[in-house]
């Protein structure tokens, strides 16, 4: 997982925490939840540990509830050669890889 917040995306200094629960789902929880950006941040997540061979659907980053219910998909780019997907985030919350 790699998160990147560009210079100028926040109007003040903020301490950011990322938690990746250790279960079978590739997801991440960011704090402070709801932190919004003046310009998009990016999040890259690997799906190399996922069994995606049966699906030709592109992988996307999904904004989810804590229970992993998908609320919306964020603009994402699926790089099949590196088995990673990068999404553009407008705010911090819970995110997961979906296809």
Protein backbone atom coordinates (compact mmCIF):
# COMPACT_ATOMS: atom_id res chain seq x y z
CA UNK A 1 0.00 0.00 0.00
CA UNK A 2 1.23 3.47 -0.85
CA UNK A 3 -0.60 6.71 -0.14
CA UNK A 4 0.52 10.08 -1.44
CA UNK A 5 -0.89 13.49 -0.50
CA UNK A 6 0.41 16.19 -2.86
CA UNK A 7 1.76 19.50 -1.61
CA UNK A 8 -1.07 22.00 -1.26
CA UNK A 9 -3.75 19.33 -0.81
CA UNK A 10 -4.23 20.32 2.84
CA UNK A 11 -4.53 23.83 4.22
CA UNK A 12 -2.78 22.93 7.51
CA UNK A 13 -0.51 20.25 8.98
CA UNK A 14 -2.38 17.05 9.84
CA UNK A 15 -1.23 13.83 11.48
CA UNK A 16 -2.45 10.91 9.34
CA UNK A 17 -2.81 7.29 10.44
CA UNK A 18 -3.34 4.30 8.14
CA UNK A 19 -4.49 0.93 9.48
CA UNK A 20 -4.49 -2.21 7.35
CA UNK A 21 -6.45 -4.92 9.18
CA UNK A 22 -4.95 -8.40 8.92
CA UNK A 23 -7.71 -10.42 7.33
CA UNK A 24 -8.44 -11.81 3.88
CA UNK A 25 -9.65 -8.55 2.34
CA UNK A 26 -7.32 -5.88 0.95
CA UNK A 27 -8.61 -2.77 2.67
CA UNK A 28 -7.34 0.21 4.61
CA UNK A 29 -8.75 2.62 7.17
CA UNK A 30 -7.43 6.19 7.30
CA UNK A 31 -7.65 8.65 10.21
CA UNK A 32 -8.75 11.31 10.60
CA UNK A 33 -11.80 9.90 8.86
CA UNK A 34 -13.49 12.42 6.59
CA UNK A 35 -10.35 14.54 6.08
CA UNK A 36 -10.91 16.22 2.71
CA UNK A 37 -8.31 17.32 0.19
CA UNK A 38 -8.09 20.50 -1.88
CA UNK A 39 -6.66 18.31 -4.67
CA UNK A 40 -6.83 14.50 -4.89
CA UNK A 41 -4.52 12.22 -2.96
CA UNK A 42 -3.55 8.89 -4.48
CA UNK A 43 -3.74 5.40 -3.02
CA UNK A 44 -2.02 2.39 -4.60
CA UNK A 45 -2.93 -1.08 -3.36
CA UNK A 46 -1.57 -4.44 -4.47
CA UNK A 47 -3.88 -7.31 -5.32
CA UNK A 48 -1.07 -9.83 -5.90
CA UNK A 49 -2.41 -11.87 -2.97
CA UNK A 50 -5.96 -11.98 -4.40
CA UNK A 51 -7.39 -14.72 -6.60
CA UNK A 52 -8.47 -12.55 -9.53
CA UNK A 53 -7.81 -15.10 -12.28
CA UNK A 54 -11.53 -15.84 -12.74
CA UNK A 55 -12.43 -12.22 -13.39
CA UNK A 56 -11.52 -10.05 -16.35
CA UNK A 57 -13.12 -7.02 -14.69
CA UNK A 58 -10.74 -4.16 -13.93
CA UNK A 59 -9.80 -3.76 -10.29
CA UNK A 60 -10.84 -0.48 -8.67
CA UNK A 61 -10.48 1.29 -5.37
CA UNK A 62 -13.82 1.42 -3.58
CA UNK A 63 -14.84 3.80 -0.80
CA UNK A 64 -16.50 1.53 1.78
CA UNK A 65 -18.15 1.44 5.16
CA UNK A 66 -16.26 -0.21 8.03
CA UNK A 67 -18.31 -3.34 7.22
CA UNK A 68 -16.94 -3.18 3.62
CA UNK A 69 -20.21 -2.18 1.97
CA UNK A 70 -19.23 -0.32 -1.22
CA UNK A 71 -20.45 3.29 -1.17
CA UNK A 72 -18.78 4.38 -4.42
CA UNK A 73 -15.86 3.65 -6.71
CA UNK A 74 -13.13 6.27 -7.00
CA UNK A 75 -11.37 7.02 -10.31
CA UNK A 76 -8.85 4.18 -10.58
CA UNK A 77 -6.18 2.76 -12.88
CA UNK A 78 -5.52 -1.00 -12.86
CA UNK A 79 -1.91 -1.94 -13.67
CA UNK A 80 -2.14 -5.67 -14.43
CA UNK A 81 1.63 -5.99 -14.91
CA UNK A 82 2.34 -4.98 -11.30
CA UNK A 83 -0.99 -6.30 -9.96
CA UNK A 84 -1.74 -2.96 -8.32
CA UNK A 85 -4.53 -0.44 -8.64
CA UNK A 86 -4.22 3.30 -7.99
CA UNK A 87 -7.19 5.45 -7.05
CA UNK A 88 -7.68 9.19 -6.63
CA UNK A 89 -9.11 10.11 -3.22
CA UNK A 90 -11.04 13.24 -2.32
CA UNK A 91 -11.14 12.37 1.39
CA UNK A 92 -9.85 9.84 3.91
CA UNK A 93 -12.07 7.03 5.10
CA UNK A 94 -12.19 3.27 4.46
CA UNK A 95 -11.10 1.89 1.08
CA UNK A 96 -10.78 -1.58 -0.46
CA UNK A 97 -9.89 -3.20 -3.77
CA UNK A 98 -12.99 -4.34 -5.66
CA UNK A 99 -13.74 -6.00 -8.99
